[in-house]
Amino acid sequence: MLQILAITTPIYLIIALGFASVRQGVFTREHMGVLGQFLLRISLPCLVFRAISQYRLGEVLNTDYLGVYVLASLLTWLAGVALARKLCGHDRTRSALYGQGMSNSNSVFIGYPIVQPLLGPAADIALALCLLTEIALIIPLTMAVADSGSHLSWRDSLRQSLRALFKSPVFLSILAGLGGSALGLDLAPPLQKTLALLSSAAAPVALFMIGGMLVGQPLAGWGKELSALALGKLLLHPLATLLLLRLMPRFDPQLQTAALMFACMPIPVLLPTLAQKYGLGGFCSAALVLSTVLSFLTLNSWLAAMPWLMQWVQK
């Protein structure tokens, strides 16, 4: 347990530092937006490209891992939509965002800094496959359903979602990484060092930004819905992944462990950004706050139980 806390505690300390810096006026929330643009357009694409391109294409495109993670994410997405529609009575737009909140993980900024020291190269491959699932499937599906619940037809909303997908710097970096992997690309040492430096900035900057974004986010007024969304992400998504790991064909134990670890992560920073388009940025930001705070307890609990859980999976 002490080894786990030694890895996870610095993550939350950097988040706390970002929160304190904005709370004390050292930075403003507007500064966090600038950091977000740096992450989205420069640092994160470099990290994703580097994580993918250094492995052979056959290693990266692990269909067993994709089968489990895609299906677990889809089932959790459907559960989130059903919860919002049937129990809360929300429209398709809000329901789709509930689905995304429960099925998308903060895989890059919280997940990767925790999983990589524990699992090494398996974390790089798992990160690429998690991002591929989220960016190429869950987010376009969410946007298509959300837009269809407002003013666009299914066809127009799907077309708009796909157009946004192919403009995403992260998705383009995934494609570039897969291309480099297929070609066996070997970059010159100065380029490798540049990518490494920019990639290494992603996690600490993002964690600091998450802390800064938490300032001023009210949790009152949403009560049960916030709790349901946050706990759905922190408990339901990993439970679905765990069950599918047990039921579906076995594959590399390190990658199986990585799949469950990434599913345990809280709601990603991208959700409030997408939700602003539909006037739900405040609610999704509050859900991000709650899930990030609660994840210190749930995540450390999942990690402590991981050896026994993976023994059960392998039986």
Protein backbone atom coordinates (compact mmCIF):
# COMPACT_ATOMS: atom_id res chain seq x y z
CA MET A 1 0.00 0.00 0.00
CA LEU A 2 2.85 2.39 0.79
CA GLN A 3 4.30 1.79 -2.68
CA ILE A 4 0.93 2.68 -4.24
CA LEU A 5 0.60 5.84 -2.14
CA ALA A 6 4.15 6.84 -3.10
CA ILE A 7 3.03 6.87 -6.75
CA THR A 8 -0.48 8.31 -6.41
CA THR A 9 0.06 10.94 -3.70
CA PRO A 10 2.33 13.23 -5.84
CA ILE A 11 -0.42 13.28 -8.49
CA TYR A 12 -2.90 14.74 -6.04
CA LEU A 13 -0.31 17.04 -4.47
CA ILE A 14 0.26 18.69 -7.87
CA ILE A 15 -3.52 19.03 -8.28
CA ALA A 16 -3.66 20.63 -4.83
CA LEU A 17 -0.84 23.00 -5.80
CA GLY A 18 -2.76 24.12 -8.88
CA PHE A 19 -5.87 24.65 -6.77
CA ALA A 20 -3.96 26.68 -4.15
CA SER A 21 -2.20 28.78 -6.81
CA VAL A 22 -5.48 29.88 -8.39
CA ARG A 23 -7.25 30.22 -5.05
CA GLN A 24 -4.49 32.54 -3.78
CA GLY A 25 -4.43 34.59 -6.99
CA VAL A 26 -0.99 33.52 -8.23
CA PHE A 27 -2.75 32.41 -11.43
CA THR A 28 -6.28 32.87 -12.75
CA ARG A 29 -8.70 30.37 -14.28
CA GLU A 30 -8.04 32.08 -17.64
CA HIS A 31 -4.38 31.04 -17.32
CA MET A 32 -5.56 27.44 -16.99
CA GLY A 33 -7.19 27.78 -20.41
CA VAL A 34 -3.84 28.77 -21.92
CA LEU A 35 -2.23 25.71 -20.33
CA GLY A 36 -5.04 23.62 -21.76
CA GLN A 37 -4.31 24.84 -25.29
CA PHE A 38 -0.63 24.02 -24.88
CA LEU A 39 -1.54 20.53 -23.72
CA LEU A 40 -4.12 19.85 -26.42
CA ARG A 41 -2.16 21.20 -29.38
CA ILE A 42 1.48 20.47 -28.51
CA SER A 43 2.41 18.42 -25.45
CA LEU A 44 -0.30 15.75 -25.55
CA PRO A 45 0.06 14.99 -29.30
CA CYS A 46 3.82 14.60 -28.76
CA LEU A 47 3.24 12.22 -25.87
CA VAL A 48 0.73 10.13 -27.82
CA PHE A 49 2.86 9.98 -30.99
CA ARG A 50 5.94 8.98 -28.99
CA ALA A 51 4.06 6.35 -26.98
CA ILE A 52 2.73 4.66 -30.13
CA SER A 53 5.53 5.02 -32.69
CA GLN A 54 8.21 3.33 -30.57
CA TYR A 55 6.42 -0.05 -30.81
CA ARG A 56 5.66 -2.39 -33.71
CA LEU A 57 2.16 -2.02 -35.16
CA GLY A 58 1.26 -5.57 -34.12
CA GLU A 59 2.09 -4.73 -30.51
CA VAL A 60 0.07 -1.53 -30.48
CA LEU A 61 -3.09 -2.84 -32.15
CA ASN A 62 -3.84 -5.49 -29.55
CA THR A 63 -7.30 -6.68 -30.59
CA ASP A 64 -7.87 -8.59 -27.33
CA TYR A 65 -7.31 -5.45 -25.29
CA LEU A 66 -9.48 -3.40 -27.66
CA GLY A 67 -12.27 -5.97 -27.45
CA VAL A 68 -12.42 -5.74 -23.67
CA TYR A 69 -11.94 -2.00 -23.32
CA VAL A 70 -14.28 -1.02 -26.17
CA LEU A 71 -17.06 -3.30 -24.94
CA ALA A 72 -16.65 -2.22 -21.29
CA SER A 73 -16.74 1.45 -22.33
CA LEU A 74 -19.80 0.95 -24.54
CA LEU A 75 -21.68 -0.92 -21.80
CA THR A 76 -20.85 1.81 -19.29
CA TRP A 77 -21.85 4.50 -21.80
CA LEU A 78 -25.23 2.79 -22.28
CA ALA A 79 -25.63 2.52 -18.50
CA GLY A 80 -24.97 6.24 -18.13
CA VAL A 81 -27.47 7.10 -20.85
CA ALA A 82 -30.09 4.79 -19.31
CA LEU A 83 -29.55 6.31 -15.87
CA ALA A 84 -30.05 9.82 -17.20
CA ARG A 85 -33.04 8.92 -19.40
CA LYS A 86 -34.99 6.49 -17.24
CA LEU A 87 -34.18 7.53 -13.69
CA CYS A 88 -33.54 11.26 -14.09
CA GLY A 89 -35.81 11.98 -17.07
CA HIS A 90 -33.23 13.93 -19.07
CA ASP A 91 -33.20 14.51 -22.81
CA ARG A 92 -30.84 12.81 -25.26
CA THR A 93 -28.30 15.62 -25.10
CA ARG A 94 -27.76 15.49 -21.35
CA SER A 95 -28.04 11.70 -21.31
CA ALA A 96 -25.27 11.33 -23.91
CA LEU A 97 -22.95 13.46 -21.75
CA TYR A 98 -23.77 11.28 -18.74
CA GLY A 99 -22.72 8.29 -20.82
CA GLN A 100 -19.43 9.89 -21.77
CA GLY A 101 -18.74 10.97 -18.20
CA MET A 102 -19.09 7.39 -16.96
CA SER A 103 -17.18 5.70 -19.78
CA ASN A 104 -14.24 8.05 -20.49
CA SER A 105 -11.22 8.08 -18.19
CA ASN A 106 -8.60 10.69 -17.42
CA SER A 107 -6.19 8.22 -18.98
CA VAL A 108 -3.45 10.67 -19.95
CA PHE A 109 -3.08 13.14 -17.11
CA ILE A 110 -3.87 10.97 -14.08
CA GLY A 111 -3.85 7.43 -15.46
CA TYR A 112 -0.58 7.38 -17.37
CA PRO A 113 1.62 8.91 -14.59
CA ILE A 114 0.31 6.21 -12.24
CA VAL A 115 0.22 3.18 -14.57
CA GLN A 116 3.56 3.78 -16.33
CA PRO A 117 5.79 3.47 -13.22
CA LEU A 118 3.95 0.28 -12.24
CA LEU A 119 3.72 -1.48 -15.62
CA GLY A 120 6.33 0.13 -17.89
CA PRO A 121 5.90 -0.48 -21.66
CA ALA A 122 2.43 -2.02 -21.19
CA ALA A 123 1.23 1.43 -20.06
CA ASP A 124 2.31 3.00 -23.38
CA ILE A 125 0.36 0.47 -25.45
CA ALA A 126 -2.65 0.60 -23.14
CA LEU A 127 -2.70 4.41 -23.23
CA ALA A 128 -2.78 4.40 -27.04
CA LEU A 129 -5.66 1.91 -27.11
CA CYS A 130 -7.61 3.78 -24.42
CA LEU A 131 -7.27 7.04 -26.37
CA LEU A 132 -8.27 5.30 -29.59
CA THR A 133 -11.40 3.96 -27.89
CA GLU A 134 -12.33 7.32 -26.41
CA ILE A 135 -11.48 9.64 -29.29
CA ALA A 136 -12.53 7.44 -32.22
CA LEU A 137 -15.62 5.86 -30.67
CA ILE A 138 -17.05 7.21 -27.41
CA ILE A 139 -16.66 10.94 -28.09
CA PRO A 140 -18.07 10.84 -31.68
CA LEU A 141 -20.95 8.66 -30.44
CA THR A 142 -21.64 11.12 -27.61
CA MET A 143 -21.53 14.14 -29.91
CA ALA A 144 -23.78 12.48 -32.49
CA VAL A 145 -26.44 11.59 -29.91
CA ALA A 146 -26.13 14.96 -28.12
CA ASP A 147 -26.50 16.92 -31.36
CA SER A 148 -29.44 14.79 -32.48
CA GLY A 149 -31.16 15.74 -29.27
CA SER A 150 -30.96 19.43 -30.18
CA HIS A 151 -31.29 20.77 -33.71
CA LEU A 152 -29.48 18.38 -36.05
CA SER A 153 -30.55 15.19 -37.78
CA TRP A 154 -28.66 11.95 -37.06
CA ARG A 155 -26.88 12.18 -40.39
CA ASP A 156 -25.81 15.79 -39.90
CA SER A 157 -24.73 15.23 -36.30
CA LEU A 158 -22.66 12.19 -37.27
CA ARG A 159 -21.03 14.10 -40.13
CA GLN A 160 -20.22 16.99 -37.79
CA SER A 161 -18.74 14.62 -35.19
CA LEU A 162 -16.52 12.91 -37.76
CA ARG A 163 -15.35 16.26 -39.11
CA ALA A 164 -14.38 17.35 -35.60
CA LEU A 165 -12.63 14.02 -35.07
CA PHE A 166 -10.31 14.49 -38.04
CA LYS A 167 -9.43 17.97 -36.84
CA SER A 168 -8.45 16.74 -33.37
CA PRO A 169 -4.69 17.07 -32.74
CA VAL A 170 -4.77 14.01 -30.48
CA PHE A 171 -6.54 11.83 -33.07
CA LEU A 172 -4.14 12.99 -35.76
CA SER A 173 -1.22 12.16 -33.48
CA ILE A 174 -2.67 8.65 -33.03
CA LEU A 175 -2.82 8.21 -36.81
CA ALA A 176 0.72 9.57 -37.18
CA GLY A 177 1.96 7.26 -34.43
CA LEU A 178 0.33 4.23 -36.05
CA GLY A 179 1.89 5.24 -39.37
CA GLY A 180 5.30 5.59 -37.78
CA SER A 181 4.85 2.23 -36.08
CA ALA A 182 3.89 0.53 -39.35
CA LEU A 183 6.88 2.04 -41.17
CA GLY A 184 9.34 1.33 -38.37
CA LEU A 185 10.12 5.04 -38.17
CA ASP A 186 13.39 5.89 -36.43
CA LEU A 187 13.64 9.61 -35.70
CA ALA A 188 16.94 11.45 -35.46
CA PRO A 189 18.21 11.82 -31.86
CA PRO A 190 17.50 15.61 -31.68
CA LEU A 191 13.86 14.99 -32.69
CA GLN A 192 13.55 12.14 -30.21
CA LYS A 193 14.87 14.39 -27.44
CA THR A 194 12.49 17.19 -28.43
CA LEU A 195 9.50 14.84 -28.32
CA ALA A 196 10.65 13.46 -24.97
CA LEU A 197 10.91 16.93 -23.43
CA LEU A 198 7.51 18.06 -24.70
CA SER A 199 5.92 14.76 -23.66
CA SER A 200 7.34 14.97 -20.15
CA ALA A 201 5.63 18.34 -19.68
CA ALA A 202 2.14 16.93 -20.30
CA ALA A 203 1.38 15.26 -16.97
CA PRO A 204 2.60 17.92 -14.46
CA VAL A 205 1.13 20.79 -16.48
CA ALA A 206 -2.18 18.97 -16.85
CA LEU A 207 -2.40 18.08 -13.17
CA PHE A 208 -1.64 21.68 -12.20
CA MET A 209 -4.32 22.83 -14.66
CA ILE A 210 -6.89 20.38 -13.24
CA GLY A 211 -6.28 21.79 -9.77
CA GLY A 212 -6.70 25.34 -11.03
CA MET A 213 -9.94 24.44 -12.80
CA LEU A 214 -11.41 23.09 -9.58
CA VAL A 215 -11.47 26.55 -8.00
CA GLY A 216 -14.92 28.08 -7.91
CA GLN A 217 -16.78 24.99 -9.12
CA PRO A 218 -19.95 24.66 -6.99
CA LEU A 219 -21.08 21.17 -5.98
CA ALA A 220 -24.33 22.23 -4.36
CA GLY A 221 -27.63 21.98 -6.21
CA TRP A 222 -27.03 18.74 -8.10
CA GLY A 223 -26.64 16.35 -5.18
CA LYS A 224 -27.66 12.82 -6.17
CA GLU A 225 -27.02 13.29 -9.88
CA LEU A 226 -23.43 14.39 -9.31
CA SER A 227 -22.83 11.48 -6.95
CA ALA A 228 -24.36 9.00 -9.41
CA LEU A 229 -22.23 10.26 -12.29
CA ALA A 230 -18.99 10.37 -10.30
CA LEU A 231 -19.47 6.98 -8.65
CA GLY A 232 -20.64 5.47 -11.95
CA LYS A 233 -17.29 6.43 -13.44
CA LEU A 234 -15.20 5.32 -10.48
CA LEU A 235 -17.03 2.04 -9.81
CA LEU A 236 -19.16 0.93 -12.77
CA HIS A 237 -16.56 1.39 -15.52
CA PRO A 238 -13.87 -0.65 -13.70
CA LEU A 239 -16.43 -3.29 -12.68
CA ALA A 240 -17.53 -3.73 -16.30
CA THR A 241 -13.88 -4.00 -17.36
CA LEU A 242 -13.12 -6.51 -14.61
CA LEU A 243 -16.07 -8.71 -15.56
CA LEU A 244 -15.14 -8.71 -19.25
CA LEU A 245 -11.51 -9.51 -18.44
CA ARG A 246 -12.81 -12.60 -16.64
CA LEU A 247 -15.27 -13.63 -19.37
CA MET A 248 -13.34 -12.88 -22.55
CA PRO A 249 -10.20 -14.68 -23.87
CA ARG A 250 -7.04 -14.14 -21.83
CA PHE A 251 -4.18 -11.98 -23.12
CA ASP A 252 -0.99 -10.40 -21.76
CA PRO A 253 -1.49 -10.11 -17.94
CA GLN A 254 0.31 -6.74 -17.91
CA LEU A 255 -2.12 -5.34 -20.47
CA GLN A 256 -5.07 -6.84 -18.60
CA THR A 257 -3.91 -5.03 -15.46
CA ALA A 258 -3.45 -1.80 -17.42
CA ALA A 259 -6.98 -2.01 -18.82
CA LEU A 260 -8.46 -2.24 -15.33
CA MET A 261 -6.21 0.51 -13.97
CA PHE A 262 -7.15 2.96 -16.72
CA ALA A 263 -10.85 2.19 -16.23
CA CYS A 264 -10.48 3.20 -12.54
CA MET A 265 -9.48 6.78 -13.38
CA PRO A 266 -11.82 9.78 -12.83
CA ILE A 267 -13.74 11.84 -15.37
CA PRO A 268 -11.47 13.46 -18.01
CA VAL A 269 -10.89 17.20 -18.32
CA LEU A 270 -12.32 17.16 -21.86
CA LEU A 271 -15.89 16.48 -20.72
CA PRO A 272 -16.69 20.00 -19.38
CA THR A 273 -15.13 21.48 -22.54
CA LEU A 274 -17.45 19.46 -24.79
CA ALA A 275 -20.43 20.08 -22.51
CA GLN A 276 -20.11 23.89 -22.78
CA LYS A 277 -21.57 23.66 -26.29
CA TYR A 278 -24.85 22.41 -24.76
CA GLY A 279 -24.92 24.72 -21.74
CA LEU A 280 -23.91 21.91 -19.36
CA GLY A 281 -20.32 22.95 -18.70
CA GLY A 282 -21.03 23.87 -15.07
CA PHE A 283 -22.62 20.54 -14.22
CA CYS A 284 -19.89 18.51 -15.92
CA SER A 285 -17.19 20.62 -14.24
CA ALA A 286 -18.79 19.88 -10.87
CA ALA A 287 -18.83 16.16 -11.74
CA LEU A 288 -15.14 16.43 -12.66
CA VAL A 289 -14.40 18.01 -9.27
CA LEU A 290 -16.27 15.36 -7.32
CA SER A 291 -14.87 12.39 -9.26
CA THR A 292 -11.30 13.72 -8.97
CA VAL A 293 -11.60 14.21 -5.20
CA LEU A 294 -13.28 10.83 -4.62
CA SER A 295 -10.78 9.07 -6.86
CA PHE A 296 -8.06 9.48 -4.24
CA LEU A 297 -10.00 6.96 -2.14
CA THR A 298 -11.42 4.72 -4.86
CA LEU A 299 -8.27 4.60 -6.99
CA ASN A 300 -5.98 3.69 -4.11
CA SER A 301 -8.50 1.03 -3.05
CA TRP A 302 -8.62 -0.48 -6.56
CA LEU A 303 -4.83 -0.46 -6.81
CA ALA A 304 -4.44 -2.10 -3.39
CA ALA A 305 -6.85 -4.86 -4.44
CA MET A 306 -5.31 -5.25 -7.92
CA PRO A 307 -3.18 -8.38 -7.19
CA TRP A 308 -6.22 -10.31 -5.89
CA LEU A 309 -8.47 -9.04 -8.69
CA MET A 310 -6.03 -10.13 -11.37
CA GLN A 311 -5.67 -13.56 -9.74
CA TRP A 312 -9.46 -13.90 -9.99
CA VAL A 313 -9.35 -12.85 -13.65
CA GLN A 314 -6.73 -15.49 -14.46
CA LYS A 315 -8.64 -18.38 -12.85
